[in-house]
């Protein structure tokens, strides 16, 4: 019997234990009853970043971006499509580096877009620059 994976609710931040064999079914939060997976990137801020990165047992792929960045704008729909294909095995999230400058400094973001994969609070992969869907999916799946 599977022990389960901790999954942070994208709505209320509640931490849920989901049996590994039930991850594909998604599930609902035990705190707010909303879906644990929404097939779209989650917006992270200084207030919720640590909780989602350190308390989740599934890897979190973070897109560090800025509203003025042309390649970031071009990659946004690709990143959203990737969320539909990678959840529930990986959570996708976005950090607006203009609004969350402290996070950009903390993680040494020097160019955008920058993609960083975290697993249980640790950075395990990083890539700078925009990617098409096929390359993004291939790169992300290497981290699973």
C-alpha atoms as a PDB file:
ATOM      1  CA  UNK A   1       0.000   0.000   0.000  1.00  0.00           C
ATOM      2  CA  UNK A   2       1.285   3.429  -1.000  1.00  0.00           C
ATOM      3  CA  UNK A   3       2.131   5.941   1.716  1.00  0.00           C
ATOM      4  CA  UNK A   4       1.076   8.832  -0.497  1.00  0.00           C
ATOM      5  CA  UNK A   5       2.443  12.140  -1.689  1.00  0.00           C
ATOM      6  CA  UNK A   6       1.992  15.507  -0.048  1.00  0.00           C
ATOM      7  CA  UNK A   7       0.264  17.887  -2.441  1.00  0.00           C
ATOM      8  CA  UNK A   8      -0.229  21.576  -1.627  1.00  0.00           C
ATOM      9  CA  UNK A   9      -3.657  22.894  -2.617  1.00  0.00           C
ATOM     10  CA  UNK A  10      -3.371  25.640  -5.284  1.00  0.00           C
ATOM     11  CA  UNK A  11      -6.391  27.416  -3.774  1.00  0.00           C
ATOM     12  CA  UNK A  12      -5.951  27.482   0.006  1.00  0.00           C
ATOM     13  CA  UNK A  13      -2.419  26.161   0.548  1.00  0.00           C
ATOM     14  CA  UNK A  14      -3.650  23.187   2.562  1.00  0.00           C
ATOM     15  CA  UNK A  15      -1.369  20.159   2.566  1.00  0.00           C
ATOM     16  CA  UNK A  16      -3.039  16.945   1.445  1.00  0.00           C
ATOM     17  CA  UNK A  17      -1.740  13.376   1.409  1.00  0.00           C
ATOM     18  CA  UNK A  18      -2.754  11.673  -1.831  1.00  0.00           C
ATOM     19  CA  UNK A  19      -2.074   7.954  -2.374  1.00  0.00           C
ATOM     20  CA  UNK A  20       0.406   7.630  -5.228  1.00  0.00           C
ATOM     21  CA  UNK A  21      -1.916   5.381  -7.217  1.00  0.00           C
ATOM     22  CA  UNK A  22      -4.658   8.018  -6.913  1.00  0.00           C
ATOM     23  CA  UNK A  23      -2.585  11.002  -8.107  1.00  0.00           C
ATOM     24  CA  UNK A  24      -3.817  10.658 -11.687  1.00  0.00           C
ATOM     25  CA  UNK A  25      -7.395  11.035 -10.451  1.00  0.00           C
ATOM     26  CA  UNK A  26      -6.453  14.387  -8.943  1.00  0.00           C
ATOM     27  CA  UNK A  27      -8.606  14.624  -5.879  1.00  0.00           C
ATOM     28  CA  UNK A  28      -9.990  17.464  -3.833  1.00  0.00           C
ATOM     29  CA  UNK A  29      -8.478  19.406  -0.980  1.00  0.00           C
ATOM     30  CA  UNK A  30      -9.475  18.174   2.458  1.00  0.00           C
ATOM     31  CA  UNK A  31      -9.536  21.787   3.691  1.00  0.00           C
ATOM     32  CA  UNK A  32     -11.384  23.741   0.965  1.00  0.00           C
ATOM     33  CA  UNK A  33     -12.828  20.898  -1.204  1.00  0.00           C
ATOM     34  CA  UNK A  34     -11.467  22.460  -4.424  1.00  0.00           C
ATOM     35  CA  UNK A  35      -9.502  20.415  -6.996  1.00  0.00           C
ATOM     36  CA  UNK A  36      -5.836  19.775  -6.150  1.00  0.00           C
ATOM     37  CA  UNK A  37      -4.872  20.031  -9.814  1.00  0.00           C
ATOM     38  CA  UNK A  38      -6.176  22.710 -12.165  1.00  0.00           C
ATOM     39  CA  UNK A  39      -4.122  22.027 -15.341  1.00  0.00           C
ATOM     40  CA  UNK A  40      -2.721  25.553 -15.392  1.00  0.00           C
ATOM     41  CA  UNK A  41       0.297  27.264 -13.843  1.00  0.00           C
ATOM     42  CA  UNK A  42      -0.026  28.521 -10.284  1.00  0.00           C
ATOM     43  CA  UNK A  43       1.038  32.106  -9.483  1.00  0.00           C
ATOM     44  CA  UNK A  44       3.627  32.079  -6.710  1.00  0.00           C
ATOM     45  CA  UNK A  45       4.525  35.030  -4.499  1.00  0.00           C
ATOM     46  CA  UNK A  46       6.858  35.608  -1.575  1.00  0.00           C
ATOM     47  CA  UNK A  47       3.910  34.692   0.665  1.00  0.00           C
ATOM     48  CA  UNK A  48       3.193  31.230  -0.787  1.00  0.00           C
ATOM     49  CA  UNK A  49       6.444  30.233  -2.536  1.00  0.00           C
ATOM     50  CA  UNK A  50       8.115  28.319   0.306  1.00  0.00           C
ATOM     51  CA  UNK A  51       4.993  26.351   1.160  1.00  0.00           C
ATOM     52  CA  UNK A  52       4.536  25.104  -2.404  1.00  0.00           C
ATOM     53  CA  UNK A  53       8.243  24.397  -2.959  1.00  0.00           C
ATOM     54  CA  UNK A  54       9.155  22.793   0.363  1.00  0.00           C
ATOM     55  CA  UNK A  55       5.948  20.993   1.377  1.00  0.00           C
ATOM     56  CA  UNK A  56       5.089  19.327  -1.948  1.00  0.00           C
ATOM     57  CA  UNK A  57       6.308  15.813  -2.699  1.00  0.00           C
ATOM     58  CA  UNK A  58       5.768  16.328  -6.418  1.00  0.00           C
ATOM     59  CA  UNK A  59       8.345  18.367  -8.352  1.00  0.00           C
ATOM     60  CA  UNK A  60       7.487  22.018  -9.009  1.00  0.00           C
ATOM     61  CA  UNK A  61       8.615  23.635 -12.270  1.00  0.00           C
ATOM     62  CA  UNK A  62       8.801  27.420 -11.828  1.00  0.00           C
ATOM     63  CA  UNK A  63       8.876  29.899 -14.704  1.00  0.00           C
ATOM     64  CA  UNK A  64      10.599  33.101 -13.566  1.00  0.00           C
ATOM     65  CA  UNK A  65       9.278  35.761 -15.987  1.00  0.00           C
ATOM     66  CA  UNK A  66       8.488  39.471 -16.350  1.00  0.00           C
ATOM     67  CA  UNK A  67       5.578  41.249 -18.066  1.00  0.00           C
ATOM     68  CA  UNK A  68       7.904  43.344 -20.291  1.00  0.00           C
ATOM     69  CA  UNK A  69       9.815  40.296 -21.602  1.00  0.00           C
ATOM     70  CA  UNK A  70       8.936  39.361 -25.211  1.00  0.00           C
ATOM     71  CA  UNK A  71      10.196  35.748 -25.017  1.00  0.00           C
ATOM     72  CA  UNK A  72       8.309  35.347 -21.710  1.00  0.00           C
ATOM     73  CA  UNK A  73       5.059  36.456 -23.372  1.00  0.00           C
ATOM     74  CA  UNK A  74       5.651  34.061 -26.273  1.00  0.00           C
ATOM     75  CA  UNK A  75       6.332  31.173 -23.890  1.00  0.00           C
ATOM     76  CA  UNK A  76       3.332  31.779 -21.587  1.00  0.00           C
ATOM     77  CA  UNK A  77       0.824  29.769 -23.675  1.00  0.00           C
ATOM     78  CA  UNK A  78       3.397  26.986 -24.143  1.00  0.00           C
ATOM     79  CA  UNK A  79       3.935  26.837 -20.373  1.00  0.00           C
ATOM     80  CA  UNK A  80       0.155  26.678 -19.837  1.00  0.00           C
ATOM     81  CA  UNK A  81      -0.102  23.785 -22.317  1.00  0.00           C
ATOM     82  CA  UNK A  82       2.730  22.001 -20.524  1.00  0.00           C
ATOM     83  CA  UNK A  83       0.797  22.254 -17.238  1.00  0.00           C
ATOM     84  CA  UNK A  84      -2.081  20.372 -18.837  1.00  0.00           C
ATOM     85  CA  UNK A  85       0.269  17.567 -19.861  1.00  0.00           C
ATOM     86  CA  UNK A  86       2.588  17.364 -16.849  1.00  0.00           C
ATOM     87  CA  UNK A  87       0.063  17.513 -13.993  1.00  0.00           C
ATOM     88  CA  UNK A  88      -0.359  15.655 -11.675  1.00  0.00           C
ATOM     89  CA  UNK A  89       3.212  14.299 -11.831  1.00  0.00           C
ATOM     90  CA  UNK A  90       4.625  17.846 -11.726  1.00  0.00           C
ATOM     91  CA  UNK A  91       3.157  21.181 -10.608  1.00  0.00           C
ATOM     92  CA  UNK A  92       3.879  24.186 -12.847  1.00  0.00           C
ATOM     93  CA  UNK A  93       4.103  27.657 -11.352  1.00  0.00           C
ATOM     94  CA  UNK A  94       5.069  31.181 -12.372  1.00  0.00           C
ATOM     95  CA  UNK A  95       6.912  33.935 -10.512  1.00  0.00           C
ATOM     96  CA  UNK A  96       6.649  37.499 -11.834  1.00  0.00           C
ATOM     97  CA  UNK A  97      10.172  38.787 -11.193  1.00  0.00           C
ATOM     98  CA  UNK A  98       9.016  42.416 -11.334  1.00  0.00           C
ATOM     99  CA  UNK A  99       6.511  41.901  -8.518  1.00  0.00           C
ATOM    100  CA  UNK A 100       8.630  39.361  -6.615  1.00  0.00           C
ATOM    101  CA  UNK A 101      12.144  40.806  -6.906  1.00  0.00           C
ATOM    102  CA  UNK A 102      13.285  39.177  -3.656  1.00  0.00           C
ATOM    103  CA  UNK A 103      12.573  35.710  -5.061  1.00  0.00           C
ATOM    104  CA  UNK A 104      14.476  36.542  -8.247  1.00  0.00           C
ATOM    105  CA  UNK A 105      17.480  37.652  -6.170  1.00  0.00           C
ATOM    106  CA  UNK A 106      17.211  34.674  -3.796  1.00  0.00           C
ATOM    107  CA  UNK A 107      17.443  32.217  -6.697  1.00  0.00           C
ATOM    108  CA  UNK A 108      20.008  34.161  -8.721  1.00  0.00           C
ATOM    109  CA  UNK A 109      17.766  34.758 -11.719  1.00  0.00           C
ATOM    110  CA  UNK A 110      19.989  36.584 -14.221  1.00  0.00           C
ATOM    111  CA  UNK A 111      17.985  36.115 -17.422  1.00  0.00           C
ATOM    112  CA  UNK A 112      14.340  35.522 -18.149  1.00  0.00           C
ATOM    113  CA  UNK A 113      12.529  33.400 -18.801  1.00  0.00           C
ATOM    114  CA  UNK A 114      14.341  31.044 -16.441  1.00  0.00           C
ATOM    115  CA  UNK A 115      12.870  27.658 -15.642  1.00  0.00           C
ATOM    116  CA  UNK A 116      13.788  25.993 -12.355  1.00  0.00           C
ATOM    117  CA  UNK A 117      12.652  22.570 -11.145  1.00  0.00           C
ATOM    118  CA  UNK A 118      12.417  22.070  -7.383  1.00  0.00           C
ATOM    119  CA  UNK A 119      11.966  18.730  -5.657  1.00  0.00           C
ATOM    120  CA  UNK A 120      11.259  18.738  -1.907  1.00  0.00           C
ATOM    121  CA  UNK A 121      12.659  22.238  -1.538  1.00  0.00           C
ATOM    122  CA  UNK A 122      15.873  21.723  -3.508  1.00  0.00           C
ATOM    123  CA  UNK A 123      16.675  23.006  -6.971  1.00  0.00           C
ATOM    124  CA  UNK A 124      17.378  20.034  -9.239  1.00  0.00           C
ATOM    125  CA  UNK A 125      17.418  21.591 -12.732  1.00  0.00           C
ATOM    126  CA  UNK A 126      17.605  25.007 -14.379  1.00  0.00           C
ATOM    127  CA  UNK A 127      17.286  26.277 -17.943  1.00  0.00           C
ATOM    128  CA  UNK A 128      17.284  29.849 -19.259  1.00  0.00           C
ATOM    129  CA  UNK A 129      15.450  30.912 -22.396  1.00  0.00           C
ATOM    130  CA  UNK A 130      12.133  30.252 -24.087  1.00  0.00           C
ATOM    131  CA  UNK A 131      11.331  26.764 -25.378  1.00  0.00           C
ATOM    132  CA  UNK A 132       8.699  25.252 -27.617  1.00  0.00           C
ATOM    133  CA  UNK A 133       6.268  22.744 -26.120  1.00  0.00           C
ATOM    134  CA  UNK A 134       8.094  19.624 -27.282  1.00  0.00           C
ATOM    135  CA  UNK A 135      11.444  20.743 -25.851  1.00  0.00           C
ATOM    136  CA  UNK A 136       9.863  22.014 -22.633  1.00  0.00           C
ATOM    137  CA  UNK A 137       8.063  18.711 -22.034  1.00  0.00           C
ATOM    138  CA  UNK A 138      11.198  16.673 -22.805  1.00  0.00           C
ATOM    139  CA  UNK A 139      13.336  18.809 -20.481  1.00  0.00           C
ATOM    140  CA  UNK A 140      10.760  18.755 -17.657  1.00  0.00           C
ATOM    141  CA  UNK A 141      10.230  14.985 -17.875  1.00  0.00           C
ATOM    142  CA  UNK A 142      13.957  14.408 -17.330  1.00  0.00           C
ATOM    143  CA  UNK A 143      13.414  15.816 -13.827  1.00  0.00           C
ATOM    144  CA  UNK A 144      10.619  13.408 -12.927  1.00  0.00           C
END
